[in-house]
N, C-alpha and C. Protein backbone atom coordinates (compact mmCIF):
# COMPACT_ATOMS: atom_id res chain seq x y z
N UNK A 1 78.28 107.04 117.48
CA UNK A 1 78.84 106.30 116.07
C UNK A 1 77.83 106.32 115.20
N UNK A 2 78.47 106.71 113.93
CA UNK A 2 77.52 106.71 112.56
C UNK A 2 77.77 105.67 111.84
N UNK A 3 76.64 104.89 111.44
CA UNK A 3 76.56 103.58 110.94
C UNK A 3 76.13 103.93 109.41
N UNK A 4 76.57 103.56 108.39
CA UNK A 4 76.18 103.44 106.80
C UNK A 4 74.94 102.96 106.88
N UNK A 5 74.05 103.69 105.77
CA UNK A 5 72.72 102.77 105.69
C UNK A 5 72.75 101.38 105.52
N UNK A 6 73.59 100.82 104.95
CA UNK A 6 73.82 99.49 104.54
C UNK A 6 73.96 98.65 105.76
N UNK A 7 75.11 99.12 106.57
CA UNK A 7 75.42 98.46 107.63
C UNK A 7 74.34 98.65 108.79
N UNK A 8 73.61 99.93 109.07
CA UNK A 8 72.52 99.89 109.99
C UNK A 8 71.32 98.85 109.38
N UNK A 9 70.99 98.76 108.26
CA UNK A 9 70.13 97.86 107.78
C UNK A 9 70.51 96.42 108.27
N UNK A 10 71.73 95.91 108.08
CA UNK A 10 72.39 94.74 108.42
C UNK A 10 72.20 94.45 109.71
N UNK A 11 72.57 95.47 110.50
CA UNK A 11 72.46 95.17 112.14
C UNK A 11 70.89 95.09 112.38
N UNK A 12 70.05 95.74 112.03
CA UNK A 12 68.92 95.63 112.28
C UNK A 12 68.13 94.46 111.88
N UNK A 13 68.49 93.88 110.63
CA UNK A 13 68.19 92.67 110.13
C UNK A 13 68.57 91.49 111.16
N UNK A 14 69.68 91.37 111.49
CA UNK A 14 70.39 90.52 112.54
C UNK A 14 69.66 90.66 113.84
N UNK A 15 69.49 92.12 114.24
CA UNK A 15 68.66 91.83 115.38
C UNK A 15 67.12 91.40 115.40
N UNK A 16 66.60 91.61 114.27
CA UNK A 16 65.32 90.97 114.17
C UNK A 16 65.27 89.44 113.96
N UNK A 17 66.19 89.07 113.44
CA UNK A 17 66.15 87.54 113.08
C UNK A 17 66.99 86.85 114.39
N UNK A 18 67.82 87.45 115.28
CA UNK A 18 68.50 86.58 116.13
C UNK A 18 68.45 87.20 117.50
N UNK A 19 67.67 88.24 117.70
CA UNK A 19 67.46 88.89 119.01
C UNK A 19 67.09 87.82 119.96
N UNK A 20 65.99 87.06 120.02
CA UNK A 20 65.50 86.22 121.04
C UNK A 20 66.53 85.06 121.26
N UNK A 21 67.31 84.57 120.08
CA UNK A 21 68.43 83.57 120.40
C UNK A 21 69.40 84.13 121.30
N UNK A 22 69.94 85.39 120.84
CA UNK A 22 70.98 85.88 121.92
C UNK A 22 70.45 86.08 123.16
N UNK A 23 69.36 86.55 123.61
CA UNK A 23 68.61 86.81 124.74
C UNK A 23 68.47 85.50 125.54
N UNK A 24 67.83 84.56 124.76
CA UNK A 24 67.89 83.18 125.43
C UNK A 24 69.12 82.66 125.93
N UNK A 25 70.01 82.63 125.05
CA UNK A 25 71.42 81.91 125.32
C UNK A 25 72.07 82.74 126.43
N UNK A 26 71.80 84.11 126.60
CA UNK A 26 72.35 84.88 127.61
C UNK A 26 71.82 84.57 128.89
N UNK A 27 70.40 84.50 129.11
CA UNK A 27 69.64 84.08 130.12
C UNK A 27 69.96 82.73 130.43
N UNK A 28 70.15 81.71 129.67
CA UNK A 28 70.65 80.28 130.14
C UNK A 28 71.93 80.33 130.72
N UNK A 29 72.81 81.44 130.35
CA UNK A 29 74.27 81.22 131.02
C UNK A 29 74.17 82.01 132.30
N UNK A 30 73.46 83.11 132.65
CA UNK A 30 73.61 83.98 133.70
C UNK A 30 72.16 83.51 134.65
N UNK A 31 71.17 83.06 134.21
CA UNK A 31 69.93 82.57 134.95
C UNK A 31 69.51 84.09 135.62
N UNK A 32 69.91 85.27 134.98
CA UNK A 32 69.43 86.59 135.73
C UNK A 32 68.93 87.30 134.37
N UNK A 33 67.52 87.87 134.65
CA UNK A 33 67.12 88.75 133.38
C UNK A 33 67.69 89.95 133.30
N UNK A 34 68.17 90.76 134.32
CA UNK A 34 68.80 92.06 134.17
C UNK A 34 70.32 91.84 133.26
N UNK A 35 70.90 90.54 133.90
CA UNK A 35 72.29 90.23 133.09
C UNK A 35 72.08 89.90 131.92
N UNK A 36 70.97 89.27 131.40
CA UNK A 36 70.38 88.87 130.12
C UNK A 36 70.64 90.11 129.45
N UNK A 37 69.83 90.73 129.88
CA UNK A 37 69.51 91.98 128.89
C UNK A 37 70.90 92.87 128.54
N UNK A 38 71.72 92.99 129.76
CA UNK A 38 72.69 93.85 129.72
C UNK A 38 73.77 92.96 128.56
N UNK A 39 73.99 91.80 128.47
CA UNK A 39 74.65 91.03 127.60
C UNK A 39 74.05 91.17 126.19
N UNK A 40 72.79 91.10 126.18
CA UNK A 40 72.20 91.26 124.84
C UNK A 40 72.38 92.64 124.50
N UNK A 41 72.49 93.56 125.13
CA UNK A 41 72.89 95.05 124.34
C UNK A 41 74.44 94.94 123.99
N UNK A 42 75.15 94.64 124.82
CA UNK A 42 76.47 94.81 124.53
C UNK A 42 76.77 93.56 123.13
N UNK A 43 76.00 92.55 123.23
CA UNK A 43 76.48 91.88 121.86
C UNK A 43 75.90 92.71 120.59
N UNK A 44 74.67 93.06 120.62
CA UNK A 44 74.40 93.88 119.45
C UNK A 44 75.27 95.29 119.40
N UNK A 45 75.59 95.87 120.23
CA UNK A 45 76.54 96.92 120.21
C UNK A 45 77.92 96.55 119.37
N UNK A 46 78.44 95.34 119.78
CA UNK A 46 79.50 94.86 119.34
C UNK A 46 79.48 94.48 117.84
N UNK A 47 78.51 94.00 117.69
CA UNK A 47 77.85 93.93 116.24
C UNK A 47 77.89 95.09 115.37
N UNK A 48 77.34 96.28 115.71
CA UNK A 48 77.36 97.22 115.09
C UNK A 48 79.00 97.84 114.84
N UNK A 49 79.60 97.58 115.87
CA UNK A 49 81.03 98.05 115.96
C UNK A 49 82.00 97.46 115.20
N UNK A 50 81.48 96.02 115.09
CA UNK A 50 82.39 94.95 114.26
C UNK A 50 82.54 95.20 112.94
N UNK A 51 83.73 95.07 112.49
CA UNK A 51 84.24 94.86 111.09
C UNK A 51 83.72 93.43 110.18
N UNK A 52 82.80 93.22 110.54
CA UNK A 52 82.58 91.64 109.85
C UNK A 52 81.32 91.88 108.62
N UNK A 53 81.36 91.10 107.57
CA UNK A 53 80.32 90.94 106.74
C UNK A 53 78.87 90.52 107.35
N UNK A 54 78.08 90.91 106.97
CA UNK A 54 76.59 90.77 107.40
C UNK A 54 75.92 89.97 106.38
N UNK A 55 76.52 89.58 105.29
CA UNK A 55 75.99 89.07 104.20
C UNK A 55 75.44 87.41 104.61
N UNK A 56 76.47 86.77 105.25
CA UNK A 56 76.48 85.40 105.07
C UNK A 56 75.46 85.31 106.56
N UNK A 57 74.29 84.86 106.75
CA UNK A 57 73.45 84.91 108.06
C UNK A 57 74.04 83.76 109.02
N UNK A 58 74.46 82.80 108.20
CA UNK A 58 74.96 81.57 109.14
C UNK A 58 76.32 82.17 109.89
N UNK A 59 77.14 82.86 109.31
CA UNK A 59 78.37 83.27 109.88
C UNK A 59 77.89 84.38 110.90
N UNK A 60 76.84 85.27 110.78
CA UNK A 60 76.43 86.19 111.48
C UNK A 60 76.00 85.47 112.91
N UNK A 61 75.43 84.54 112.69
CA UNK A 61 74.60 83.70 113.63
C UNK A 61 75.56 83.06 114.72
N UNK A 62 76.74 82.53 114.13
CA UNK A 62 77.70 81.67 114.77
C UNK A 62 78.54 83.06 115.45
N UNK A 63 78.58 83.94 115.01
CA UNK A 63 79.28 85.31 115.56
C UNK A 63 78.49 85.62 116.69
N UNK A 64 77.47 86.00 116.60
CA UNK A 64 76.51 86.30 117.67
C UNK A 64 76.66 85.40 119.00
N UNK A 65 76.54 84.05 118.55
CA UNK A 65 76.48 82.98 119.69
C UNK A 65 77.73 83.04 120.42
N UNK A 66 78.89 83.10 119.57
CA UNK A 66 80.32 82.99 120.24
C UNK A 66 80.34 84.42 120.99
N UNK A 67 79.83 85.55 120.54
CA UNK A 67 79.97 86.85 121.45
C UNK A 67 79.19 86.99 122.56
N UNK A 68 78.09 86.16 122.53
CA UNK A 68 77.24 86.11 123.91
C UNK A 68 77.86 85.27 124.72
N UNK A 69 78.53 84.36 124.35
CA UNK A 69 79.21 83.19 125.35
C UNK A 69 80.27 83.99 125.90
N UNK A 70 81.09 84.81 125.20
CA UNK A 70 82.18 85.63 125.71
C UNK A 70 81.83 86.51 126.74
N UNK A 71 80.64 87.35 126.43
CA UNK A 71 80.22 88.00 127.23
C UNK A 71 79.80 87.72 128.38
N UNK A 72 79.26 86.58 128.47
CA UNK A 72 78.71 85.77 129.79
C UNK A 72 79.79 85.36 130.34
N UNK A 73 81.01 84.94 129.75
CA UNK A 73 82.19 84.56 130.60
C UNK A 73 82.78 85.78 131.32
N UNK A 74 82.70 87.01 130.47
CA UNK A 74 83.28 87.88 131.07
C UNK A 74 82.81 88.43 132.27
N UNK A 75 81.26 88.44 132.27
CA UNK A 75 80.50 88.62 133.33
C UNK A 75 80.80 87.91 134.74
N UNK A 76 80.88 86.72 134.33
CA UNK A 76 81.23 85.86 135.57
C UNK A 76 82.72 86.13 136.10
N UNK A 77 83.45 86.80 135.26
CA UNK A 77 84.90 86.87 135.79
C UNK A 77 84.97 88.18 136.56
N UNK A 78 83.99 89.09 136.11
CA UNK A 78 84.17 90.56 136.74
C UNK A 78 84.01 90.44 138.22
N UNK A 79 84.79 91.29 138.79
CA UNK A 79 84.86 91.46 140.35
C UNK A 79 83.79 91.15 140.97
N UNK A 80 82.80 92.10 140.72
CA UNK A 80 81.50 92.22 141.46
C UNK A 80 80.65 90.82 141.43
N UNK A 81 80.59 90.15 140.24
CA UNK A 81 80.17 89.00 139.99
C UNK A 81 80.76 88.00 141.21
N UNK A 82 81.96 87.97 141.38
CA UNK A 82 82.66 86.75 141.99
C UNK A 82 82.00 86.96 143.59
N UNK A 83 81.63 88.37 143.92
CA UNK A 83 81.25 88.47 145.20
C UNK A 83 79.78 88.53 145.76
N UNK A 84 78.89 87.97 144.68
CA UNK A 84 77.59 87.98 144.68
C UNK A 84 76.84 86.58 144.68
N UNK A 85 76.11 86.32 145.70
CA UNK A 85 75.48 84.84 145.83
C UNK A 85 74.10 85.15 146.02
N UNK A 86 73.43 84.16 145.28
CA UNK A 86 71.90 83.98 145.54
C UNK A 86 71.47 82.85 145.96
N UNK A 87 70.45 82.49 146.77
CA UNK A 87 69.96 81.46 147.17
C UNK A 87 68.43 81.62 147.30
N UNK A 88 68.05 80.44 146.64
CA UNK A 88 66.67 80.40 146.52
C UNK A 88 66.22 78.91 146.90
N UNK A 89 65.30 78.67 147.80
CA UNK A 89 64.45 77.40 148.21
C UNK A 89 63.84 77.05 147.23
N UNK A 90 63.79 75.68 146.83
CA UNK A 90 62.74 75.00 146.16
C UNK A 90 61.47 75.00 146.93
N UNK A 91 60.38 75.29 146.47
CA UNK A 91 59.19 75.21 147.32
C UNK A 91 58.89 73.35 147.68
N UNK A 92 58.42 73.44 148.88
CA UNK A 92 57.91 72.07 149.11
C UNK A 92 56.29 72.06 149.18
N UNK A 93 56.08 71.11 148.33
CA UNK A 93 54.73 70.87 148.07
C UNK A 93 54.22 69.16 147.97
N UNK A 94 52.86 69.15 148.28
CA UNK A 94 52.26 68.07 148.16
C UNK A 94 51.18 67.69 146.87
N UNK A 95 51.25 68.76 146.19
CA UNK A 95 50.19 68.63 145.09
C UNK A 95 50.99 69.11 143.80
N UNK A 96 50.40 68.92 142.47
CA UNK A 96 51.17 69.28 141.30
C UNK A 96 51.64 70.81 141.11
N UNK A 97 52.63 70.96 140.66
CA UNK A 97 52.96 72.37 140.21
C UNK A 97 52.40 72.89 139.00
N UNK A 98 52.04 74.27 138.96
CA UNK A 98 51.45 74.69 137.67
C UNK A 98 52.54 74.67 136.81
N UNK A 99 52.26 75.28 135.61
CA UNK A 99 53.20 75.34 134.38
C UNK A 99 54.16 76.39 134.72
N UNK A 100 54.01 77.51 135.45
CA UNK A 100 54.65 78.47 135.91
C UNK A 100 55.89 77.93 136.90
N UNK A 101 55.23 77.04 137.77
CA UNK A 101 56.02 76.60 138.71
C UNK A 101 57.12 75.39 138.22
N UNK A 102 56.41 74.85 137.22
CA UNK A 102 57.45 73.83 136.74
C UNK A 102 58.53 74.54 135.97
N UNK A 103 58.31 75.53 135.42
CA UNK A 103 58.95 76.21 134.53
C UNK A 103 60.40 77.02 135.45
N UNK A 104 59.79 77.43 136.62
CA UNK A 104 60.84 78.12 137.75
C UNK A 104 61.53 76.91 138.36
N UNK A 105 61.00 75.76 138.47
CA UNK A 105 61.60 74.74 139.23
C UNK A 105 62.83 74.21 138.03
N UNK A 106 62.42 74.13 136.89
CA UNK A 106 63.46 73.70 135.66
C UNK A 106 64.49 74.71 135.63
N UNK A 107 64.33 76.02 135.82
CA UNK A 107 65.24 77.03 136.16
C UNK A 107 66.23 77.11 137.17
N UNK A 108 65.55 76.51 138.15
CA UNK A 108 66.32 76.23 139.43
C UNK A 108 67.37 75.25 139.31
N UNK A 109 66.87 74.35 138.66
CA UNK A 109 67.80 73.08 138.37
C UNK A 109 68.86 73.36 137.27
N UNK A 110 68.61 74.21 136.32
CA UNK A 110 69.71 74.66 135.46
C UNK A 110 70.45 75.60 136.19
N UNK A 111 70.24 76.54 137.27
CA UNK A 111 70.95 77.10 138.12
C UNK A 111 72.02 76.23 138.75
N UNK A 112 72.05 75.10 139.02
CA UNK A 112 72.97 74.10 139.62
C UNK A 112 73.98 73.91 138.86
N UNK A 113 73.78 73.62 137.45
CA UNK A 113 74.84 73.42 136.58
C UNK A 113 75.65 74.49 136.25
N UNK A 114 77.04 74.19 136.14
CA UNK A 114 77.79 75.21 135.66
C UNK A 114 77.32 75.98 134.34
N UNK A 115 78.01 77.12 134.26
CA UNK A 115 77.51 77.88 133.13
C UNK A 115 77.74 77.33 131.67
N UNK A 116 78.96 76.48 131.51
CA UNK A 116 79.39 76.09 130.23
C UNK A 116 78.38 74.98 130.07
N UNK A 117 77.96 74.09 131.09
CA UNK A 117 76.85 73.12 130.55
C UNK A 117 75.42 73.54 130.20
N UNK A 118 75.19 74.40 130.88
CA UNK A 118 73.97 75.22 130.72
C UNK A 118 73.89 75.89 129.22
N UNK A 119 75.11 76.63 128.78
CA UNK A 119 75.08 76.66 127.30
C UNK A 119 74.86 75.65 126.29
N UNK A 120 75.62 74.50 126.68
CA UNK A 120 75.50 73.24 125.76
C UNK A 120 74.05 72.74 125.66
N UNK A 121 73.28 72.76 126.77
CA UNK A 121 71.84 72.35 126.78
C UNK A 121 70.97 73.23 126.29
N UNK A 122 71.24 74.45 126.38
CA UNK A 122 70.57 75.37 125.58
C UNK A 122 70.51 75.46 124.24
N UNK A 123 71.85 75.50 123.82
CA UNK A 123 71.96 75.32 122.18
C UNK A 123 71.46 74.30 121.63
N UNK A 124 71.69 72.93 122.40
CA UNK A 124 71.02 71.66 121.91
C UNK A 124 69.72 71.56 121.65
N UNK A 125 68.92 71.81 123.08
CA UNK A 125 67.69 71.54 122.92
C UNK A 125 66.68 72.71 122.67
N UNK A 126 67.14 74.09 122.84
CA UNK A 126 66.18 75.06 122.32
C UNK A 126 66.67 75.88 120.84
N UNK A 127 68.18 75.77 120.54
CA UNK A 127 68.37 76.29 119.54
C UNK A 127 68.52 75.14 118.50
N UNK A 128 68.51 73.84 118.93
CA UNK A 128 68.51 72.65 118.06
C UNK A 128 69.55 72.79 117.09
N UNK A 129 71.06 72.94 117.62
CA UNK A 129 72.12 72.96 117.17
C UNK A 129 72.64 71.65 117.14
N UNK A 130 73.31 71.05 116.20
CA UNK A 130 74.25 69.83 116.39
C UNK A 130 75.36 69.85 117.24
N UNK A 131 75.59 68.87 117.69
CA UNK A 131 76.94 68.61 118.61
C UNK A 131 78.01 69.44 118.12
N UNK A 132 78.46 69.15 116.42
CA UNK A 132 79.42 69.84 115.94
C UNK A 132 79.33 71.31 116.01
N UNK A 133 78.15 71.70 115.72
CA UNK A 133 77.99 73.35 115.65
C UNK A 133 78.17 73.78 117.15
N UNK A 134 77.84 73.14 118.04
CA UNK A 134 77.84 73.88 119.62
C UNK A 134 79.26 73.80 119.88
N UNK A 135 80.04 72.63 119.27
CA UNK A 135 81.27 72.66 119.55
C UNK A 135 82.14 73.44 118.86
N UNK A 136 81.73 74.07 117.64
CA UNK A 136 82.61 75.00 116.92
C UNK A 136 82.09 76.38 117.68
N UNK A 137 80.97 76.68 118.12
CA UNK A 137 80.69 77.68 118.97
C UNK A 137 81.32 78.11 120.27
N UNK A 138 81.40 76.74 121.08
CA UNK A 138 81.87 76.96 122.08
C UNK A 138 83.25 76.65 122.33
N UNK A 139 84.02 76.40 121.34
CA UNK A 139 85.52 75.78 121.36
C UNK A 139 85.52 74.75 122.15
């Protein structure tokens, strides 16, 4: 696929500006680094192939968030994903957790939530989006 120089520059700019946001949302939805990386790649490939204007950054951001959510949903609907289950036990401790252990504990707590609620929490607390913005992105 050959991109025009202007289109290529627009995609590169979008990747620089929004790559961490896309990855974090994908991870918040999937709770798996490999799946989040796959979604990340798919989202930016779709951006390169999409027939959308890259001039309005708010539109690009909203489009990327929506596509990330859709790619996550598609992953959960896949036949392979429906047959995979992971089980991780929480550590039992009598002493305070380190920062890394707290982070892992928070991740396990987020794992309990359905994906649609994880996305809302992620967008609200980590991307600092308003309820109206989240509503528009997630329908």
